[in-house]
Structures are given as C-alpha cells and as structure tokens.
PDB file of N, CA and C in Angstrom:
ATOM      1  N   MET A   1       2.515-183.029  88.496  1.00  0.00           N
ATOM      2  CA  MET A   1       0.899-182.874  89.407  1.00  0.00           C
ATOM      3  C   MET A   1       0.676-184.175  90.377  1.00  0.00           C
ATOM      4  N   TRP A   2       1.163-185.438  89.524  1.00  0.00           N
ATOM      5  CA  TRP A   2       0.902-186.785  90.861  1.00  0.00           C
ATOM      6  C   TRP A   2       2.093-187.912  90.048  1.00  0.00           C
ATOM      7  N   ASP A   3       2.112-188.794  90.666  1.00  0.00           N
ATOM      8  CA  ASP A   3       3.430-189.517  90.516  1.00  0.00           C
ATOM      9  C   ASP A   3       3.341-190.205  89.413  1.00  0.00           C
ATOM     10  N   SER A   4       4.180-190.255  88.188  1.00  0.00           N
ATOM     11  CA  SER A   4       3.973-190.730  86.976  1.00  0.00           C
ATOM     12  C   SER A   4       3.885-192.241  87.152  1.00  0.00           C
ATOM     13  N   GLU A   5       4.165-193.108  88.296  1.00  0.00           N
ATOM     14  CA  GLU A   5       3.774-194.769  88.285  1.00  0.00           C
ATOM     15  C   GLU A   5       2.709-194.971  88.747  1.00  0.00           C
ATOM     16  N   TRP A   6       1.930-194.046  89.207  1.00  0.00           N
ATOM     17  CA  TRP A   6       0.462-194.477  89.502  1.00  0.00           C
ATOM     18  C   TRP A   6      -0.463-195.231  88.457  1.00  0.00           C
ATOM     19  N   ASP A   7      -1.230-196.387  89.129  1.00  0.00           N
ATOM     20  CA  ASP A   7      -1.798-197.068  88.229  1.00  0.00           C
ATOM     21  C   ASP A   7      -3.138-196.563  88.503  1.00  0.00           C
ATOM     22  N   TRP A   8      -3.237-196.026  86.893  1.00  0.00           N
ATOM     23  CA  TRP A   8      -4.838-195.043  87.047  1.00  0.00           C
ATOM     24  C   TRP A   8      -6.370-196.026  87.022  1.00  0.00           C
ATOM     25  N   GLN A   9      -5.913-197.347  86.996  1.00  0.00           N
ATOM     26  CA  GLN A   9      -7.633-198.108  87.122  1.00  0.00           C
ATOM     27  C   GLN A   9      -8.639-197.397  86.001  1.00  0.00           C
ATOM     28  N   VAL A  10      -8.334-197.322  84.938  1.00  0.00           N
ATOM     29  CA  VAL A  10      -9.355-196.705  84.179  1.00  0.00           C
ATOM     30  C   VAL A  10      -9.994-197.485  83.640  1.00  0.00           C
ATOM     31  N   ARG A  11     -11.507-197.063  83.694  1.00  0.00           N
ATOM     32  CA  ARG A  11     -12.768-198.230  83.213  1.00  0.00           C
ATOM     33  C   ARG A  11     -13.679-197.535  82.594  1.00  0.00           C
ATOM     34  N   GLN A  12     -13.711-197.830  81.291  1.00  0.00           N
ATOM     35  CA  GLN A  12     -15.450-197.518  80.499  1.00  0.00           C
ATOM     36  C   GLN A  12     -16.401-198.008  81.101  1.00  0.00           C
ATOM     37  N   ILE A  13     -17.138-196.699  81.440  1.00  0.00           N
ATOM     38  CA  ILE A  13     -18.727-196.874  81.700  1.00  0.00           C
ATOM     39  C   ILE A  13     -19.504-197.141  80.587  1.00  0.00           C
ATOM     40  N   ARG A  14     -19.542-196.146  79.909  1.00  0.00           N
ATOM     41  CA  ARG A  14     -20.290-196.468  78.846  1.00  0.00           C
ATOM     42  C   ARG A  14     -19.661-195.241  77.549  1.00  0.00           C
ATOM     43  N   ARG A  15     -20.108-194.880  76.308  1.00  0.00           N
ATOM     44  CA  ARG A  15     -19.321-194.565  75.071  1.00  0.00           C
ATOM     45  C   ARG A  15     -18.689-192.885  75.793  1.00  0.00           C
ATOM     46  N   ASN A  16     -17.662-193.029  75.599  1.00  0.00           N
ATOM     47  CA  ASN A  16     -17.056-191.489  76.224  1.00  0.00           C
ATOM     48  C   ASN A  16     -17.187-191.535  77.544  1.00  0.00           C
ATOM     49  N   CYS A  17     -17.240-192.273  78.214  1.00  0.00           N
ATOM     50  CA  CYS A  17     -17.806-191.845  79.538  1.00  0.00           C
ATOM     51  C   CYS A  17     -16.423-192.891  80.522  1.00  0.00           C
ATOM     52  N   PHE A  18     -16.082-192.284  81.105  1.00  0.00           N
ATOM     53  CA  PHE A  18     -14.528-193.070  81.707  1.00  0.00           C
ATOM     54  C   PHE A  18     -14.366-193.054  83.429  1.00  0.00           C
ATOM     55  N   SER A  19     -14.500-194.222  84.320  1.00  0.00           N
ATOM     56  CA  SER A  19     -13.916-194.152  85.586  1.00  0.00           C
ATOM     57  C   SER A  19     -12.424-193.808  86.051  1.00  0.00           C
ATOM     58  N   VAL A  20     -12.207-192.935  86.601  1.00  0.00           N
ATOM     59  CA  VAL A  20     -10.452-193.336  86.691  1.00  0.00           C
ATOM     60  C   VAL A  20     -10.378-193.171  88.525  1.00  0.00           C
ATOM     61  N   VAL A  21      -9.392-194.065  88.827  1.00  0.00           N
ATOM     62  CA  VAL A  21      -9.079-193.839  89.842  1.00  0.00           C
ATOM     63  C   VAL A  21      -7.851-192.581  90.290  1.00  0.00           C
ATOM     64  N   TYR A  22      -7.938-191.377  90.931  1.00  0.00           N
ATOM     65  CA  TYR A  22      -7.060-190.525  91.235  1.00  0.00           C
ATOM     66  C   TYR A  22      -6.604-191.196  92.243  1.00  0.00           C
ATOM     67  N   PRO A  23      -5.241-190.879  92.266  1.00  0.00           N
ATOM     68  CA  PRO A  23      -4.153-190.979  93.441  1.00  0.00           C
ATOM     69  C   PRO A  23      -4.261-190.150  94.735  1.00  0.00           C
ATOM     70  N   SER A  24      -5.714-189.147  94.787  1.00  0.00           N
ATOM     71  CA  SER A  24      -5.962-188.482  96.247  1.00  0.00           C
ATOM     72  C   SER A  24      -6.742-187.569  95.743  1.00  0.00           C
ATOM     73  N   LYS A  25      -7.390-187.314  96.455  1.00  0.00           N
ATOM     74  CA  LYS A  25      -8.197-186.356  96.721  1.00  0.00           C
ATOM     75  C   LYS A  25      -7.826-184.640  96.012  1.00  0.00           C
ATOM     76  N   ALA A  26      -6.663-184.723  96.389  1.00  0.00           N
ATOM     77  CA  ALA A  26      -6.132-183.236  96.262  1.00  0.00           C
ATOM     78  C   ALA A  26      -6.139-182.973  94.794  1.00  0.00           C
ATOM     79  N   ALA A  27      -5.436-184.280  94.100  1.00  0.00           N
ATOM     80  CA  ALA A  27      -5.174-184.370  92.804  1.00  0.00           C
ATOM     81  C   ALA A  27      -6.924-184.652  91.965  1.00  0.00           C
ATOM     82  N   VAL A  28      -7.933-185.198  92.578  1.00  0.00           N
ATOM     83  CA  VAL A  28      -9.071-184.572  91.659  1.00  0.00           C
ATOM     84  C   VAL A  28      -9.850-183.330  91.638  1.00  0.00           C
ATOM     85  N   ARG A  29      -9.530-182.619  92.985  1.00  0.00           N
ATOM     86  CA  ARG A  29      -9.483-181.089  93.183  1.00  0.00           C
ATOM     87  C   ARG A  29      -8.975-180.596  91.935  1.00  0.00           C
ATOM     88  N   MET A  30      -7.549-180.490  92.170  1.00  0.00           N
ATOM     89  CA  MET A  30      -6.628-179.785  90.909  1.00  0.00           C
ATOM     90  C   MET A  30      -7.236-180.241  89.584  1.00  0.00           C
ATOM     91  N   ALA A  31      -7.506-181.486  89.214  1.00  0.00           N
ATOM     92  CA  ALA A  31      -8.083-181.529  88.335  1.00  0.00           C
ATOM     93  C   ALA A  31      -9.554-181.199  87.706  1.00  0.00           C
ATOM     94  N   LYS A  32     -10.068-181.102  88.688  1.00  0.00           N
ATOM     95  CA  LYS A  32     -11.184-180.318  88.319  1.00  0.00           C
ATOM     96  C   LYS A  32     -11.555-179.127  88.342  1.00  0.00           C
ATOM     97  N   LYS A  33     -10.736-178.497  88.999  1.00  0.00           N
ATOM     98  CA  LYS A  33     -10.365-177.171  88.843  1.00  0.00           C
ATOM     99  C   LYS A  33      -9.939-176.205  87.534  1.00  0.00           C
ATOM    100  N   SER A  34      -9.324-177.317  87.355  1.00  0.00           N
ATOM    101  CA  SER A  34      -8.768-176.817  85.467  1.00  0.00           C
ATOM    102  C   SER A  34      -9.793-176.735  84.464  1.00  0.00           C
ATOM    103  N   GLY A  35     -10.905-177.753  84.729  1.00  0.00           N
ATOM    104  CA  GLY A  35     -11.784-177.575  83.777  1.00  0.00           C
ATOM    105  C   GLY A  35     -12.021-178.701  83.318  1.00  0.00           C
ATOM    106  N   THR A  36     -10.948-178.731  82.105  1.00  0.00           N
ATOM    107  CA  THR A  36     -10.593-179.979  81.016  1.00  0.00           C
ATOM    108  C   THR A  36      -8.759-180.517  81.042  1.00  0.00           C
ATOM    109  N   ILE A  37      -8.795-181.728  81.243  1.00  0.00           N
ATOM    110  CA  ILE A  37      -7.288-181.723  80.700  1.00  0.00           C
ATOM    111  C   ILE A  37      -7.122-182.384  79.509  1.00  0.00           C
ATOM    112  N   THR A  38      -5.659-182.069  79.085  1.00  0.00           N
ATOM    113  CA  THR A  38      -5.702-182.520  78.094  1.00  0.00           C
ATOM    114  C   THR A  38      -4.797-184.217  77.688  1.00  0.00           C
ATOM    115  N   LEU A  39      -5.339-185.081  77.090  1.00  0.00           N
ATOM    116  CA  LEU A  39      -4.254-186.337  77.336  1.00  0.00           C
ATOM    117  C   LEU A  39      -3.164-186.151  76.710  1.00  0.00           C
ATOM    118  N   PRO A  40      -2.121-186.710  76.904  1.00  0.00           N
ATOM    119  CA  PRO A  40      -1.210-186.353  76.191  1.00  0.00           C
ATOM    120  C   PRO A  40      -0.533-187.321  74.697  1.00  0.00           C
ATOM    121  N   ILE A  41      -0.901-188.150  75.258  1.00  0.00           N
ATOM    122  CA  ILE A  41      -0.701-189.480  74.358  1.00  0.00           C
ATOM    123  C   ILE A  41      -1.712-189.351  72.702  1.00  0.00           C
ATOM    124  N   SER A  42      -3.241-188.945  73.355  1.00  0.00           N
ATOM    125  CA  SER A  42      -4.289-189.213  72.180  1.00  0.00           C
ATOM    126  C   SER A  42      -4.460-187.354  71.898  1.00  0.00           C
ATOM    127  N   VAL A  43      -3.780-186.221  72.487  1.00  0.00           N
ATOM    128  CA  VAL A  43      -4.324-185.115  72.473  1.00  0.00           C
ATOM    129  C   VAL A  43      -5.716-184.481  72.510  1.00  0.00           C
ATOM    130  N   GLN A  44      -6.524-185.628  73.169  1.00  0.00           N
ATOM    131  CA  GLN A  44      -7.933-185.217  73.630  1.00  0.00           C
ATOM    132  C   GLN A  44      -8.086-184.569  74.680  1.00  0.00           C
ATOM    133  N   LYS A  45      -9.000-184.240  74.595  1.00  0.00           N
ATOM    134  CA  LYS A  45      -9.384-182.969  75.749  1.00  0.00           C
ATOM    135  C   LYS A  45     -10.510-184.060  76.509  1.00  0.00           C
ATOM    136  N   ALA A  46     -10.604-183.819  78.182  1.00  0.00           N
ATOM    137  CA  ALA A  46     -11.493-184.535  78.839  1.00  0.00           C
ATOM    138  C   ALA A  46     -11.537-183.690  79.488  1.00  0.00           C
ATOM    139  N   GLU A  47     -13.014-183.859  80.261  1.00  0.00           N
ATOM    140  CA  GLU A  47     -13.636-183.796  81.380  1.00  0.00           C
ATOM    141  C   GLU A  47     -13.648-184.132  82.780  1.00  0.00           C
ATOM    142  N   VAL A  48     -13.254-183.271  83.712  1.00  0.00           N
ATOM    143  CA  VAL A  48     -13.140-183.805  85.017  1.00  0.00           C
ATOM    144  C   VAL A  48     -14.355-183.638  85.954  1.00  0.00           C
ATOM    145  N   GLY A  49     -14.938-184.659  86.104  1.00  0.00           N
ATOM    146  CA  GLY A  49     -16.414-184.500  87.055  1.00  0.00           C
ATOM    147  C   GLY A  49     -16.669-185.299  87.995  1.00  0.00           C
ATOM    148  N   GLU A  50     -17.640-185.088  89.049  1.00  0.00           N
ATOM    149  CA  GLU A  50     -17.800-186.032  90.106  1.00  0.00           C
ATOM    150  C   GLU A  50     -18.142-187.640  89.733  1.00  0.00           C
ATOM    151  N   THR A  51     -18.369-188.242  90.531  1.00  0.00           N
ATOM    152  CA  THR A  51     -18.504-190.032  90.348  1.00  0.00           C
ATOM    153  C   THR A  51     -20.311-189.434  90.373  1.00  0.00           C
ATOM    154  N   PHE A  52     -20.462-190.721  89.192  1.00  0.00           N
ATOM    155  CA  PHE A  52     -22.125-190.797  89.271  1.00  0.00           C
ATOM    156  C   PHE A  52     -23.106-191.264  90.339  1.00  0.00           C
ATOM    157  N   SER A  53     -22.163-192.047  91.141  1.00  0.00           N
ATOM    158  CA  SER A  53     -22.779-192.242  92.327  1.00  0.00           C
ATOM    159  C   SER A  53     -22.416-192.515  93.641  1.00  0.00           C
ATOM    160  N   LYS A  54     -22.369-192.328  94.807  1.00  0.00           N
ATOM    161  CA  LYS A  54     -21.493-191.851  95.952  1.00  0.00           C
ATOM    162  C   LYS A  54     -21.539-193.270  96.747  1.00  0.00           C
ATOM    163  N   LEU A  55     -20.097-193.905  96.694  1.00  0.00           N
ATOM    164  CA  LEU A  55     -20.012-195.064  97.236  1.00  0.00           C
ATOM    165  C   LEU A  55     -19.737-194.790  98.941  1.00  0.00           C
ATOM    166  N   HIS A  56     -20.274-195.681  99.311  1.00  0.00           N
ATOM    167  CA  HIS A  56     -20.200-195.813 100.786  1.00  0.00           C
ATOM    168  C   HIS A  56     -19.685-197.438 101.670  1.00  0.00           C
ATOM    169  N   VAL A  57     -19.209-197.267 102.415  1.00  0.00           N
ATOM    170  CA  VAL A  57     -17.756-198.195 102.872  1.00  0.00           C
ATOM    171  C   VAL A  57     -19.440-198.903 103.556  1.00  0.00           C
ATOM    172  N   VAL A  58     -19.093-200.446 103.683  1.00  0.00           N
ATOM    173  CA  VAL A  58     -20.019-201.340 104.146  1.00  0.00           C
ATOM    174  C   VAL A  58     -19.186-201.797 104.873  1.00  0.00           C
ATOM    175  N   SER A  59     -17.949-202.325 105.015  1.00  0.00           N
ATOM    176  CA  SER A  59     -17.042-202.853 105.601  1.00  0.00           C
ATOM    177  C   SER A  59     -15.396-202.390 105.546  1.00  0.00           C
ATOM    178  N   TRP A  60     -14.861-202.609 106.288  1.00  0.00           N
ATOM    179  CA  TRP A  60     -13.261-202.571 105.767  1.00  0.00           C
ATOM    180  C   TRP A  60     -12.914-204.233 105.721  1.00  0.00           C
ATOM    181  N   LEU A  61     -11.644-204.165 104.998  1.00  0.00           N
ATOM    182  CA  LEU A  61     -11.106-205.341 104.767  1.00  0.00           C
ATOM    183  C   LEU A  61     -10.004-205.758 105.953  1.00  0.00           C
ATOM    184  N   GLN A  62      -9.595-206.876 106.272  1.00  0.00           N
ATOM    185  CA  GLN A  62      -8.522-206.508 107.328  1.00  0.00           C
ATOM    186  C   GLN A  62      -6.999-207.173 106.705  1.00  0.00           C
ATOM    187  N   GLU A  63      -6.172-206.480 107.053  1.00  0.00           N
ATOM    188  CA  GLU A  63      -4.665-206.549 106.642  1.00  0.00           C
ATOM    189  C   GLU A  63      -4.423-208.186 106.915  1.00  0.00           C
ATOM    190  N   CYS A  64      -3.656-208.573 106.054  1.00  0.00           N
ATOM    191  CA  CYS A  64      -3.264-209.675 106.319  1.00  0.00           C
ATOM    192  C   CYS A  64      -1.973-210.449 105.305  1.00  0.00           C
ATOM    193  N   TRP A  65      -1.431-211.074 105.709  1.00  0.00           N
ATOM    194  CA  TRP A  65      -0.015-211.595 105.006  1.00  0.00           C
ATOM    195  C   TRP A  65      -0.607-212.814 103.972  1.00  0.00           C
ATOM    196  N   VAL A  66      -0.134-213.008 102.863  1.00  0.00           N
ATOM    197  CA  VAL A  66      -0.316-213.798 101.550  1.00  0.00           C
ATOM    198  C   VAL A  66       0.918-214.502 101.556  1.00  0.00           C
ATOM    199  N   ARG A  67       0.968-215.444 101.445  1.00  0.00           N
ATOM    200  CA  ARG A  67       1.979-216.443 100.828  1.00  0.00           C
ATOM    201  C   ARG A  67       1.948-217.061  99.683  1.00  0.00           C
ATOM    202  N   ILE A  68       2.404-216.680  98.675  1.00  0.00           N
ATOM    203  CA  ILE A  68       2.545-217.386  96.818  1.00  0.00           C
ATOM    204  C   ILE A  68       3.456-218.450  96.697  1.00  0.00           C
ATOM    205  N   THR A  69       3.297-219.100  96.061  1.00  0.00           N
ATOM    206  CA  THR A  69       4.282-220.289  95.624  1.00  0.00           C
ATOM    207  C   THR A  69       3.627-220.816  94.279  1.00  0.00           C
ATOM    208  N   GLY A  70       4.885-221.521  94.177  1.00  0.00           N
ATOM    209  CA  GLY A  70       4.802-221.815  92.505  1.00  0.00           C
ATOM    210  C   GLY A  70       5.237-220.668  91.281  1.00  0.00           C
ATOM    211  N   ILE A  71       5.467-219.606  91.888  1.00  0.00           N
ATOM    212  CA  ILE A  71       6.092-218.234  90.842  1.00  0.00           C
ATOM    213  C   ILE A  71       6.907-218.765  89.945  1.00  0.00           C
ATOM    214  N   PRO A  72       7.091-218.743  88.796  1.00  0.00           N
ATOM    215  CA  PRO A  72       8.249-218.803  87.994  1.00  0.00           C
ATOM    216  C   PRO A  72       9.286-217.921  88.156  1.00  0.00           C
ATOM    217  N   ASP A  73      10.473-218.388  88.108  1.00  0.00           N
ATOM    218  CA  ASP A  73      11.655-217.831  88.118  1.00  0.00           C
ATOM    219  C   ASP A  73      11.567-216.389  87.672  1.00  0.00           C
ATOM    220  N   LYS A  74      11.292-216.312  86.382  1.00  0.00           N
ATOM    221  CA  LYS A  74      11.430-214.964  85.511  1.00  0.00           C
ATOM    222  C   LYS A  74      10.182-213.983  85.976  1.00  0.00           C
ATOM    223  N   LEU A  75       9.436-214.349  86.598  1.00  0.00           N
ATOM    224  CA  LEU A  75       8.303-213.585  87.490  1.00  0.00           C
ATOM    225  C   LEU A  75       8.344-213.265  88.691  1.00  0.00           C
ATOM    226  N   ARG A  76       9.762-213.509  89.436  1.00  0.00           N
ATOM    227  CA  ARG A  76       9.471-213.138  90.625  1.00  0.00           C
ATOM    228  C   ARG A  76      10.456-211.881  91.109  1.00  0.00           C
ATOM    229  N   GLN A  77       9.946-211.158  90.808  1.00  0.00           N
ATOM    230  CA  GLN A  77      10.109-209.351  91.140  1.00  0.00           C
ATOM    231  C   GLN A  77       8.945-208.742  91.583  1.00  0.00           C
ATOM    232  N   ALA A  78       9.298-207.964  92.598  1.00  0.00           N
ATOM    233  CA  ALA A  78       8.080-207.527  93.681  1.00  0.00           C
ATOM    234  C   ALA A  78       7.412-206.360  92.397  1.00  0.00           C
ATOM    235  N   PRO A  79       8.003-206.028  91.393  1.00  0.00           N
ATOM    236  CA  PRO A  79       6.549-205.247  90.600  1.00  0.00           C
ATOM    237  C   PRO A  79       5.917-206.044  90.009  1.00  0.00           C
ATOM    238  N   LEU A  80       6.501-206.804  89.327  1.00  0.00           N
ATOM    239  CA  LEU A  80       5.108-207.874  88.797  1.00  0.00           C
ATOM    240  C   LEU A  80       4.414-208.909  89.862  1.00  0.00           C
ATOM    241  N   ILE A  81       4.807-209.080  90.953  1.00  0.00           N
ATOM    242  CA  ILE A  81       4.103-209.833  91.778  1.00  0.00           C
ATOM    243  C   ILE A  81       3.010-208.809  92.397  1.00  0.00           C
ATOM    244  N   LYS A  82       2.826-207.631  92.832  1.00  0.00           N
ATOM    245  CA  LYS A  82       2.603-206.814  93.489  1.00  0.00           C
ATOM    246  C   LYS A  82       1.457-206.445  92.336  1.00  0.00           C
ATOM    247  N   GLU A  83       2.107-206.605  90.865  1.00  0.00           N
ATOM    248  CA  GLU A  83       0.409-206.720  89.977  1.00  0.00           C
ATOM    249  C   GLU A  83      -0.502-207.316  89.792  1.00  0.00           C
ATOM    250  N   PHE A  84      -0.145-208.621  90.038  1.00  0.00           N
ATOM    251  CA  PHE A  84      -1.056-209.845  90.088  1.00  0.00           C
ATOM    252  C   PHE A  84      -1.515-209.993  91.350  1.00  0.00           C
ATOM    253  N   LEU A  85      -0.794-209.375  92.310  1.00  0.00           N
ATOM    254  CA  LEU A  85      -2.090-209.537  93.823  1.00  0.00           C
ATOM    255  C   LEU A  85      -2.910-208.483  93.660  1.00  0.00           C
ATOM    256  N   ARG A  86      -3.290-207.612  92.618  1.00  0.00           N
ATOM    257  CA  ARG A  86      -4.326-206.731  92.592  1.00  0.00           C
ATOM    258  C   ARG A  86      -5.736-207.091  92.688  1.00  0.00           C
ATOM    259  N   VAL A  87      -5.884-208.600  92.420  1.00  0.00           N
ATOM    260  CA  VAL A  87      -6.809-208.992  92.365  1.00  0.00           C
ATOM    261  C   VAL A  87      -7.201-209.278  93.794  1.00  0.00           C
ATOM    262  N   VAL A  88      -6.358-209.701  94.713  1.00  0.00           N
ATOM    263  CA  VAL A  88      -6.518-209.819  96.126  1.00  0.00           C
ATOM    264  C   VAL A  88      -6.704-208.850  97.067  1.00  0.00           C
ATOM    265  N   GLY A  89      -6.292-207.677  96.228  1.00  0.00           N
ATOM    266  CA  GLY A  89      -6.339-206.568  97.463  1.00  0.00           C
ATOM    267  C   GLY A  89      -5.457-205.217  96.856  1.00  0.00           C
ATOM    268  N   LYS A  90      -5.465-204.516  98.021  1.00  0.00           N
ATOM    269  CA  LYS A  90      -4.291-203.486  97.983  1.00  0.00           C
ATOM    270  C   LYS A  90      -3.033-203.839  98.709  1.00  0.00           C
ATOM    271  N   THR A  91      -2.192-204.161  97.680  1.00  0.00           N
ATOM    272  CA  THR A  91      -0.803-204.531  98.560  1.00  0.00           C
ATOM    273  C   THR A  91      -0.301-203.137  99.345  1.00  0.00           C
ATOM    274  N   VAL A  92       0.063-203.578 100.630  1.00  0.00           N
ATOM    275  CA  VAL A  92       1.078-202.559 101.327  1.00  0.00           C
ATOM    276  C   VAL A  92       2.101-202.888 101.545  1.00  0.00           C
ATOM    277  N   LEU A  93       2.876-204.021 101.219  1.00  0.00           N
ATOM    278  CA  LEU A  93       4.315-204.480 101.686  1.00  0.00           C
ATOM    279  C   LEU A  93       4.723-205.778 100.889  1.00  0.00           C
ATOM    280  N   ILE A  94       5.872-205.686 100.136  1.00  0.00           N
ATOM    281  CA  ILE A  94       6.177-206.916  99.694  1.00  0.00           C
ATOM    282  C   ILE A  94       7.492-207.608  99.902  1.00  0.00           C
ATOM    283  N   ASP A  95       7.744-208.604 101.108  1.00  0.00           N
ATOM    284  CA  ASP A  95       8.966-208.493 101.547  1.00  0.00           C
ATOM    285  C   ASP A  95      10.089-209.352 100.461  1.00  0.00           C
ATOM    286  N   GLU A  96      11.034-208.378 100.239  1.00  0.00           N
ATOM    287  CA  GLU A  96      11.376-208.839  99.101  1.00  0.00           C
ATOM    288  C   GLU A  96      13.147-209.633  99.304  1.00  0.00           C
ATOM    289  N   LEU A  97      13.259-209.786 100.707  1.00  0.00           N
ATOM    290  CA  LEU A  97      14.004-210.409 101.361  1.00  0.00           C
ATOM    291  C   LEU A  97      13.679-211.978 101.229  1.00  0.00           C
ATOM    292  N   THR A  98      12.392-212.007 101.058  1.00  0.00           N
ATOM    293  CA  THR A  98      11.873-213.834 100.669  1.00  0.00           C
ATOM    294  C   THR A  98      11.518-214.100  99.487  1.00  0.00           C
ATOM    295  N   ILE A  99      12.023-213.192  98.527  1.00  0.00           N
ATOM    296  CA  ILE A  99      11.416-213.722  96.940  1.00  0.00           C
ATOM    297  C   ILE A  99      12.862-214.338  96.891  1.00  0.00           C
ATOM    298  N   VAL A 100      12.726-215.493  96.914  1.00  0.00           N
ATOM    299  CA  VAL A 100      14.107-216.027  96.565  1.00  0.00           C
ATOM    300  C   VAL A 100      14.358-216.599  95.114  1.00  0.00           C
ATOM    301  N   LYS A 101      15.447-216.370  94.477  1.00  0.00           N
ATOM    302  CA  LYS A 101      15.174-216.284  93.058  1.00  0.00           C
ATOM    303  C   LYS A 101      17.014-217.275  93.385  1.00  0.00           C
ATOM    304  N   PRO A 102      16.979-218.514  92.312  1.00  0.00           N
ATOM    305  CA  PRO A 102      17.876-219.391  92.319  1.00  0.00           C
ATOM    306  C   PRO A 102      19.086-218.829  91.796  1.00  0.00           C
TER     307      PRO A 102
END
C-alpha cells in the first residue's frame, strides 16, 4: 500500500487521538475508504479521518544547501544525517561523496 521505509511522524493530540503524516493524498484516500485499519504490531483497529483543522500555506521555505561539521565518524552515514536534518526541514539530497570517512 505504501513504502515500508516511510516515516509516519505520529503525534498524540489527545487520549486515543493521533495525528499521522501519510506519504501521499492517495494513501489517505485509500485508508479512509477502508473505514478502519488494523495496526499490525498491537492488532488494534484505527479509524482514519480528516484532520481537525485545515492548514493553509503562509509562505514557502526556500531550498538551500546546509553544511554540517563535527559529525562523529560512526555517525557519518546518509540515513543518520537525514534523520537529524529533519529538525531543519525536508531533506532533498545528501551529497554522499562529501561524507568523508577516515
């Protein structure tokens, strides 16, 4: 149904209510049409619905290059770098040729 590597970014809003980022609008439509989904690990049923508030874009972030220094050798891996870059914004590309490993 979707990429198994997708980071769902689940956030609890209140008791028994969570916000989830889906990989695409098509995935949201598919989940909503099925009515409920069964979560594989906990075997709990969940209902998929619309967001409580409609978000609107105030402005667009600009694309830029970010240079990071001082990364410990054992953490110089593209997936790990991408993970901690999430606090900056959406990572478009990591230049793996410049990840210098001793």
